[in-house]
Amino acid sequence: MNELDLYKAQTRCISHEIRNHLSICELYSEIIKKRLVLEGIKSASIENAVNSIQKSLKIIGNSLVDLRSLNNFSIHRYNIKNLLEAAVEMSTAYICEKNIKIHCALEEDIFAQIDENKFLACVVNIIKNAIEAIDTNGEIFIKSFRKNDTVHIKISNTGNVISTEKQQEIFDEGFTTKQTGSGLGLHICKANLEKQNAKLQLNKSDLESTEFEIILPGA
């Protein structure tokens, strides 16, 4: 791939990330307007919405910087439980009118060297996909734990099964199971994690659940 094609591919990937997080900002902006009228300025729900908007804006800003650099990573030591809780808060915007419960079993005091914004974007993308895989009613389970020198994060849902054939292509660039999907989300997540010595894998997808796993080097 020549340099021009590389830049084009990078632009497509970044545009996808921007669209995802702009949708969160737009939705929470509407929530703010409604809550200001119904509950007044001092509202826990409004505070959570504003926090999520701020996080999303930070991710967008980081993505825009990526347009100028092909290797823009800011690696620091983070508490994984805190990042996962932030990702869940951001992802609830996608639930809308569905009846979906998100259950978290997050081990305390687990740390990893990671790019905060790219990690959040990855987890939000996986949870968003899980929400979209559930038609109306369902559950999402997020579990984190340390095993020897690695940190494991398992995200599963009770939504529609991914066929065996599609499981083989799930991380390929351009592959999507959605009518309006770009096929870039999981491809970007996997690529960004691999650049940080981490990995993303699909463990299973059957009638019981679909489970993705992120494995990070511990810190």
C-alpha atoms as a PDB file:
ATOM      1  CA  MET A   1       0.000   0.000   0.000  1.00  0.00           C
ATOM      2  CA  ASN A   2       1.456   3.397  -1.000  1.00  0.00           C
ATOM      3  CA  GLU A   3       1.448   6.451   1.245  1.00  0.00           C
ATOM      4  CA  LEU A   4      -1.649   8.020  -0.370  1.00  0.00           C
ATOM      5  CA  ASP A   5      -3.680   4.849   0.031  1.00  0.00           C
ATOM      6  CA  LEU A   6      -2.502   4.582   3.605  1.00  0.00           C
ATOM      7  CA  TYR A   7      -3.731   8.090   4.375  1.00  0.00           C
ATOM      8  CA  LYS A   8      -7.072   7.356   2.702  1.00  0.00           C
ATOM      9  CA  ALA A   9      -7.516   4.216   4.758  1.00  0.00           C
ATOM     10  CA  GLN A  10      -6.648   6.124   7.922  1.00  0.00           C
ATOM     11  CA  THR A  11      -9.149   8.865   7.052  1.00  0.00           C
ATOM     12  CA  ARG A  12     -11.938   6.303   6.603  1.00  0.00           C
ATOM     13  CA  CYS A  13     -11.173   4.759   9.965  1.00  0.00           C
ATOM     14  CA  ILE A  14     -11.087   8.100  11.771  1.00  0.00           C
ATOM     15  CA  SER A  15     -14.314   9.257  10.117  1.00  0.00           C
ATOM     16  CA  HIS A  16     -16.011   6.142  11.421  1.00  0.00           C
ATOM     17  CA  GLU A  17     -14.900   6.911  14.971  1.00  0.00           C
ATOM     18  CA  ILE A  18     -16.077  10.517  14.700  1.00  0.00           C
ATOM     19  CA  ARG A  19     -19.532   9.452  13.534  1.00  0.00           C
ATOM     20  CA  ASN A  20     -19.915   7.022  16.427  1.00  0.00           C
ATOM     21  CA  HIS A  21     -19.105   9.569  19.098  1.00  0.00           C
ATOM     22  CA  LEU A  22     -20.961  12.446  17.496  1.00  0.00           C
ATOM     23  CA  SER A  23     -24.103  10.342  17.773  1.00  0.00           C
ATOM     24  CA  ILE A  24     -23.546  10.113  21.526  1.00  0.00           C
ATOM     25  CA  CYS A  25     -23.083  13.876  21.787  1.00  0.00           C
ATOM     26  CA  GLU A  26     -26.226  14.564  19.790  1.00  0.00           C
ATOM     27  CA  LEU A  27     -28.351  12.201  21.832  1.00  0.00           C
ATOM     28  CA  TYR A  28     -27.170  13.522  25.183  1.00  0.00           C
ATOM     29  CA  SER A  29     -27.693  17.091  24.029  1.00  0.00           C
ATOM     30  CA  GLU A  30     -31.361  16.269  23.631  1.00  0.00           C
ATOM     31  CA  ILE A  31     -31.393  14.679  27.075  1.00  0.00           C
ATOM     32  CA  ILE A  32     -29.919  17.851  28.569  1.00  0.00           C
ATOM     33  CA  LYS A  33     -32.617  19.993  26.995  1.00  0.00           C
ATOM     34  CA  LYS A  34     -35.424  17.762  28.268  1.00  0.00           C
ATOM     35  CA  ARG A  35     -34.002  17.384  31.772  1.00  0.00           C
ATOM     36  CA  LEU A  36     -33.413  21.106  32.134  1.00  0.00           C
ATOM     37  CA  VAL A  37     -37.128  21.613  31.617  1.00  0.00           C
ATOM     38  CA  LEU A  38     -38.378  18.679  33.674  1.00  0.00           C
ATOM     39  CA  GLU A  39     -35.958  18.608  36.611  1.00  0.00           C
ATOM     40  CA  GLY A  40     -33.944  21.792  36.661  1.00  0.00           C
ATOM     41  CA  ILE A  41     -30.219  22.297  36.350  1.00  0.00           C
ATOM     42  CA  LYS A  42     -29.205  20.247  39.397  1.00  0.00           C
ATOM     43  CA  SER A  43     -29.856  16.737  38.148  1.00  0.00           C
ATOM     44  CA  ALA A  44     -27.757  13.580  38.403  1.00  0.00           C
ATOM     45  CA  SER A  45     -28.875  12.451  34.970  1.00  0.00           C
ATOM     46  CA  ILE A  46     -27.834  15.751  33.433  1.00  0.00           C
ATOM     47  CA  GLU A  47     -24.472  15.564  35.165  1.00  0.00           C
ATOM     48  CA  ASN A  48     -23.905  12.069  33.776  1.00  0.00           C
ATOM     49  CA  ALA A  49     -24.931  13.225  30.323  1.00  0.00           C
ATOM     50  CA  VAL A  50     -22.544  16.146  30.387  1.00  0.00           C
ATOM     51  CA  ASN A  51     -19.717  13.902  31.575  1.00  0.00           C
ATOM     52  CA  SER A  52     -20.372  11.521  28.708  1.00  0.00           C
ATOM     53  CA  ILE A  53     -20.419  14.366  26.210  1.00  0.00           C
ATOM     54  CA  GLN A  54     -17.120  15.603  27.530  1.00  0.00           C
ATOM     55  CA  LYS A  55     -15.587  12.147  27.216  1.00  0.00           C
ATOM     56  CA  SER A  56     -16.870  11.805  23.681  1.00  0.00           C
ATOM     57  CA  LEU A  57     -15.547  15.202  22.704  1.00  0.00           C
ATOM     58  CA  LYS A  58     -12.168  14.199  24.072  1.00  0.00           C
ATOM     59  CA  ILE A  59     -12.184  11.081  21.935  1.00  0.00           C
ATOM     60  CA  ILE A  60     -13.204  13.076  18.880  1.00  0.00           C
ATOM     61  CA  GLY A  61     -10.374  15.495  19.474  1.00  0.00           C
ATOM     62  CA  ASN A  62      -7.953  12.607  19.752  1.00  0.00           C
ATOM     63  CA  SER A  63      -9.261  11.141  16.513  1.00  0.00           C
ATOM     64  CA  LEU A  64      -8.818  14.420  14.687  1.00  0.00           C
ATOM     65  CA  VAL A  65      -5.204  14.494  15.809  1.00  0.00           C
ATOM     66  CA  ASP A  66      -4.854  11.045  14.260  1.00  0.00           C
ATOM     67  CA  LEU A  67      -5.551  12.592  10.858  1.00  0.00           C
ATOM     68  CA  ARG A  68      -2.170  14.278  11.132  1.00  0.00           C
ATOM     69  CA  SER A  69      -0.278  11.306  12.485  1.00  0.00           C
ATOM     70  CA  LEU A  70      -0.314   7.610  11.627  1.00  0.00           C
ATOM     71  CA  ASN A  71       1.034   6.593  15.023  1.00  0.00           C
ATOM     72  CA  ASN A  72      -0.617   8.836  17.575  1.00  0.00           C
ATOM     73  CA  PHE A  73      -0.775   6.932  20.846  1.00  0.00           C
ATOM     74  CA  SER A  74      -0.660   8.367  24.354  1.00  0.00           C
ATOM     75  CA  ILE A  75       0.131   5.406  26.590  1.00  0.00           C
ATOM     76  CA  HIS A  76      -0.304   5.771  30.345  1.00  0.00           C
ATOM     77  CA  ARG A  77      -1.121   3.550  33.328  1.00  0.00           C
ATOM     78  CA  TYR A  78      -4.866   3.418  33.972  1.00  0.00           C
ATOM     79  CA  ASN A  79      -7.237   1.742  36.398  1.00  0.00           C
ATOM     80  CA  ILE A  80      -9.203  -0.555  34.078  1.00  0.00           C
ATOM     81  CA  LYS A  81     -12.282  -0.627  36.327  1.00  0.00           C
ATOM     82  CA  ASN A  82     -12.596   3.159  36.099  1.00  0.00           C
ATOM     83  CA  LEU A  83     -12.264   3.139  32.306  1.00  0.00           C
ATOM     84  CA  LEU A  84     -14.824   0.362  31.898  1.00  0.00           C
ATOM     85  CA  GLU A  85     -17.323   2.196  34.106  1.00  0.00           C
ATOM     86  CA  ALA A  86     -16.852   5.317  31.963  1.00  0.00           C
ATOM     87  CA  ALA A  87     -17.369   3.269  28.790  1.00  0.00           C
ATOM     88  CA  VAL A  88     -20.597   1.766  30.143  1.00  0.00           C
ATOM     89  CA  GLU A  89     -21.914   5.215  31.067  1.00  0.00           C
ATOM     90  CA  MET A  90     -21.219   6.453  27.559  1.00  0.00           C
ATOM     91  CA  SER A  91     -22.710   3.373  25.895  1.00  0.00           C
ATOM     92  CA  THR A  92     -26.098   3.618  27.641  1.00  0.00           C
ATOM     93  CA  ALA A  93     -26.975   6.344  25.137  1.00  0.00           C
ATOM     94  CA  TYR A  94     -27.451   3.631  22.525  1.00  0.00           C
ATOM     95  CA  ILE A  95     -30.020   1.640  24.525  1.00  0.00           C
ATOM     96  CA  CYS A  96     -32.846   4.098  23.766  1.00  0.00           C
ATOM     97  CA  GLU A  97     -36.200   2.300  24.069  1.00  0.00           C
ATOM     98  CA  LYS A  98     -34.825  -1.226  24.415  1.00  0.00           C
ATOM     99  CA  ASN A  99     -35.057  -3.157  27.669  1.00  0.00           C
ATOM    100  CA  ILE A 100     -31.395  -4.034  28.167  1.00  0.00           C
ATOM    101  CA  LYS A 101     -29.617  -4.579  31.459  1.00  0.00           C
ATOM    102  CA  ILE A 102     -25.841  -4.171  31.674  1.00  0.00           C
ATOM    103  CA  HIS A 103     -24.225  -6.228  34.444  1.00  0.00           C
ATOM    104  CA  CYS A 104     -20.655  -5.488  35.533  1.00  0.00           C
ATOM    105  CA  ALA A 105     -18.295  -7.687  37.547  1.00  0.00           C
ATOM    106  CA  LEU A 106     -15.139  -5.594  37.584  1.00  0.00           C
ATOM    107  CA  GLU A 107     -12.164  -6.580  39.673  1.00  0.00           C
ATOM    108  CA  GLU A 108     -10.656  -3.814  41.781  1.00  0.00           C
ATOM    109  CA  ASP A 109      -7.156  -2.399  41.362  1.00  0.00           C
ATOM    110  CA  ILE A 110      -6.336  -3.768  37.913  1.00  0.00           C
ATOM    111  CA  PHE A 111      -4.014  -1.538  35.923  1.00  0.00           C
ATOM    112  CA  ALA A 112      -2.742  -1.550  32.341  1.00  0.00           C
ATOM    113  CA  GLN A 113      -0.624   0.625  30.089  1.00  0.00           C
ATOM    114  CA  ILE A 114      -3.097   1.822  27.452  1.00  0.00           C
ATOM    115  CA  ASP A 115      -4.206   4.760  25.341  1.00  0.00           C
ATOM    116  CA  GLU A 116      -7.288   5.981  27.242  1.00  0.00           C
ATOM    117  CA  ASN A 117      -9.217   7.370  24.276  1.00  0.00           C
ATOM    118  CA  LYS A 118      -8.574   4.474  21.923  1.00  0.00           C
ATOM    119  CA  PHE A 119      -9.404   1.979  24.669  1.00  0.00           C
ATOM    120  CA  LEU A 120     -12.674   3.759  25.473  1.00  0.00           C
ATOM    121  CA  ALA A 121     -13.558   3.924  21.772  1.00  0.00           C
ATOM    122  CA  CYS A 122     -12.976   0.181  21.478  1.00  0.00           C
ATOM    123  CA  VAL A 123     -15.082  -0.788  24.508  1.00  0.00           C
ATOM    124  CA  VAL A 124     -17.896   1.593  23.538  1.00  0.00           C
ATOM    125  CA  ASN A 125     -17.911   0.101  20.051  1.00  0.00           C
ATOM    126  CA  ILE A 126     -18.185  -3.453  21.394  1.00  0.00           C
ATOM    127  CA  ILE A 127     -20.990  -2.530  23.819  1.00  0.00           C
ATOM    128  CA  LYS A 128     -22.779  -0.596  21.061  1.00  0.00           C
ATOM    129  CA  ASN A 129     -22.598  -3.671  18.825  1.00  0.00           C
ATOM    130  CA  ALA A 130     -23.963  -5.772  21.687  1.00  0.00           C
ATOM    131  CA  ILE A 131     -26.897  -3.396  22.134  1.00  0.00           C
ATOM    132  CA  GLU A 132     -27.631  -3.483  18.407  1.00  0.00           C
ATOM    133  CA  ALA A 133     -27.496  -7.308  18.433  1.00  0.00           C
ATOM    134  CA  ILE A 134     -30.362  -7.384  20.951  1.00  0.00           C
ATOM    135  CA  ASP A 135     -33.745  -6.868  19.329  1.00  0.00           C
ATOM    136  CA  THR A 136     -35.736  -5.614  22.334  1.00  0.00           C
ATOM    137  CA  ASN A 137     -34.991  -7.432  25.584  1.00  0.00           C
ATOM    138  CA  GLY A 138     -31.648  -8.781  26.696  1.00  0.00           C
ATOM    139  CA  GLU A 139     -28.588  -8.567  28.874  1.00  0.00           C
ATOM    140  CA  ILE A 140     -24.967  -7.516  28.516  1.00  0.00           C
ATOM    141  CA  PHE A 141     -22.289  -8.824  30.864  1.00  0.00           C
ATOM    142  CA  ILE A 142     -18.917  -7.148  31.372  1.00  0.00           C
ATOM    143  CA  LYS A 143     -16.279  -8.916  33.425  1.00  0.00           C
ATOM    144  CA  SER A 144     -12.677  -7.920  34.126  1.00  0.00           C
ATOM    145  CA  PHE A 145      -9.989  -9.826  35.969  1.00  0.00           C
ATOM    146  CA  ARG A 146      -6.234 -10.266  36.146  1.00  0.00           C
ATOM    147  CA  LYS A 147      -4.627 -13.567  35.190  1.00  0.00           C
ATOM    148  CA  ASN A 148      -0.895 -13.815  35.809  1.00  0.00           C
ATOM    149  CA  ASP A 149       0.609 -10.846  33.916  1.00  0.00           C
ATOM    150  CA  THR A 150      -2.396 -10.078  31.729  1.00  0.00           C
ATOM    151  CA  VAL A 151      -5.694  -8.213  32.155  1.00  0.00           C
ATOM    152  CA  HIS A 152      -8.784  -9.838  30.667  1.00  0.00           C
ATOM    153  CA  ILE A 153     -12.031  -8.076  29.780  1.00  0.00           C
ATOM    154  CA  LYS A 154     -14.958 -10.180  28.605  1.00  0.00           C
ATOM    155  CA  ILE A 155     -18.015  -8.520  27.082  1.00  0.00           C
ATOM    156  CA  SER A 156     -20.948 -10.795  26.262  1.00  0.00           C
ATOM    157  CA  ASN A 157     -24.554 -10.316  25.199  1.00  0.00           C
ATOM    158  CA  THR A 158     -27.697 -12.401  24.790  1.00  0.00           C
ATOM    159  CA  GLY A 159     -28.489 -11.008  21.357  1.00  0.00           C
ATOM    160  CA  ASN A 160     -28.582 -12.551  17.902  1.00  0.00           C
ATOM    161  CA  VAL A 161     -26.041 -15.229  17.050  1.00  0.00           C
ATOM    162  CA  ILE A 162     -23.195 -14.463  14.642  1.00  0.00           C
ATOM    163  CA  SER A 163     -23.067 -17.292  12.113  1.00  0.00           C
ATOM    164  CA  THR A 164     -19.988 -19.508  11.927  1.00  0.00           C
ATOM    165  CA  GLU A 165     -19.133 -18.127   8.490  1.00  0.00           C
ATOM    166  CA  LYS A 166     -19.356 -14.524   9.620  1.00  0.00           C
ATOM    167  CA  GLN A 167     -17.296 -15.221  12.741  1.00  0.00           C
ATOM    168  CA  GLN A 168     -14.310 -15.911  10.490  1.00  0.00           C
ATOM    169  CA  GLU A 169     -14.571 -12.441   8.912  1.00  0.00           C
ATOM    170  CA  ILE A 170     -15.762 -10.351  11.843  1.00  0.00           C
ATOM    171  CA  PHE A 171     -12.501  -8.365  12.122  1.00  0.00           C
ATOM    172  CA  ASP A 172     -11.903  -7.913   8.390  1.00  0.00           C
ATOM    173  CA  GLU A 173     -11.907  -4.347   7.069  1.00  0.00           C
ATOM    174  CA  GLY A 174     -15.199  -3.595   5.324  1.00  0.00           C
ATOM    175  CA  PHE A 175     -17.048  -6.622   6.727  1.00  0.00           C
ATOM    176  CA  THR A 176     -20.351  -5.831   8.442  1.00  0.00           C
ATOM    177  CA  THR A 177     -23.537  -7.624   9.477  1.00  0.00           C
ATOM    178  CA  LYS A 178     -25.526  -4.354   9.531  1.00  0.00           C
ATOM    179  CA  GLN A 179     -27.468  -2.787   6.675  1.00  0.00           C
ATOM    180  CA  THR A 180     -25.933   0.637   7.351  1.00  0.00           C
ATOM    181  CA  GLY A 181     -22.602  -0.491   8.803  1.00  0.00           C
ATOM    182  CA  SER A 182     -19.216   0.522   7.423  1.00  0.00           C
ATOM    183  CA  GLY A 183     -17.382  -2.614   8.500  1.00  0.00           C
ATOM    184  CA  LEU A 184     -14.651  -0.572  10.167  1.00  0.00           C
ATOM    185  CA  GLY A 185     -15.510  -0.594  13.879  1.00  0.00           C
ATOM    186  CA  LEU A 186     -14.107  -3.955  15.005  1.00  0.00           C
ATOM    187  CA  HIS A 187     -11.296  -3.745  12.448  1.00  0.00           C
ATOM    188  CA  ILE A 188     -10.148  -0.435  13.964  1.00  0.00           C
ATOM    189  CA  CYS A 189     -10.515  -1.750  17.522  1.00  0.00           C
ATOM    190  CA  LYS A 190      -8.406  -4.814  16.827  1.00  0.00           C
ATOM    191  CA  ALA A 191      -5.734  -2.836  14.966  1.00  0.00           C
ATOM    192  CA  ASN A 192      -5.454  -0.168  17.681  1.00  0.00           C
ATOM    193  CA  LEU A 193      -5.189  -2.745  20.449  1.00  0.00           C
ATOM    194  CA  GLU A 194      -2.545  -4.728  18.596  1.00  0.00           C
ATOM    195  CA  LYS A 195      -0.442  -1.569  18.295  1.00  0.00           C
ATOM    196  CA  GLN A 196      -0.525  -1.441  22.114  1.00  0.00           C
ATOM    197  CA  ASN A 197       0.555  -5.074  22.581  1.00  0.00           C
ATOM    198  CA  ALA A 198      -3.028  -6.051  23.346  1.00  0.00           C
ATOM    199  CA  LYS A 199      -5.517  -8.114  21.425  1.00  0.00           C
ATOM    200  CA  LEU A 200      -9.226  -8.465  20.712  1.00  0.00           C
ATOM    201  CA  GLN A 201     -10.867 -11.777  19.959  1.00  0.00           C
ATOM    202  CA  LEU A 202     -14.292 -13.330  19.533  1.00  0.00           C
ATOM    203  CA  ASN A 203     -14.524 -16.229  21.979  1.00  0.00           C
ATOM    204  CA  LYS A 204     -17.891 -17.588  20.924  1.00  0.00           C
ATOM    205  CA  SER A 205     -21.320 -16.835  19.496  1.00  0.00           C
ATOM    206  CA  ASP A 206     -24.056 -19.364  20.182  1.00  0.00           C
ATOM    207  CA  LEU A 207     -27.623 -19.533  21.442  1.00  0.00           C
ATOM    208  CA  GLU A 208     -26.431 -18.774  24.977  1.00  0.00           C
ATOM    209  CA  SER A 209     -24.374 -15.655  24.260  1.00  0.00           C
ATOM    210  CA  THR A 210     -21.851 -13.845  22.073  1.00  0.00           C
ATOM    211  CA  GLU A 211     -18.603 -13.070  23.851  1.00  0.00           C
ATOM    212  CA  PHE A 212     -15.701 -10.798  22.904  1.00  0.00           C
ATOM    213  CA  GLU A 213     -12.523 -10.614  24.933  1.00  0.00           C
ATOM    214  CA  ILE A 214      -9.835  -7.950  25.254  1.00  0.00           C
ATOM    215  CA  ILE A 215      -6.477  -9.065  26.628  1.00  0.00           C
ATOM    216  CA  LEU A 216      -4.040  -6.403  27.836  1.00  0.00           C
ATOM    217  CA  PRO A 217      -0.572  -6.604  29.337  1.00  0.00           C
ATOM    218  CA  GLY A 218      -0.871  -5.798  33.030  1.00  0.00           C
ATOM    219  CA  ALA A 219       0.963  -2.896  34.668  1.00  0.00           C
END
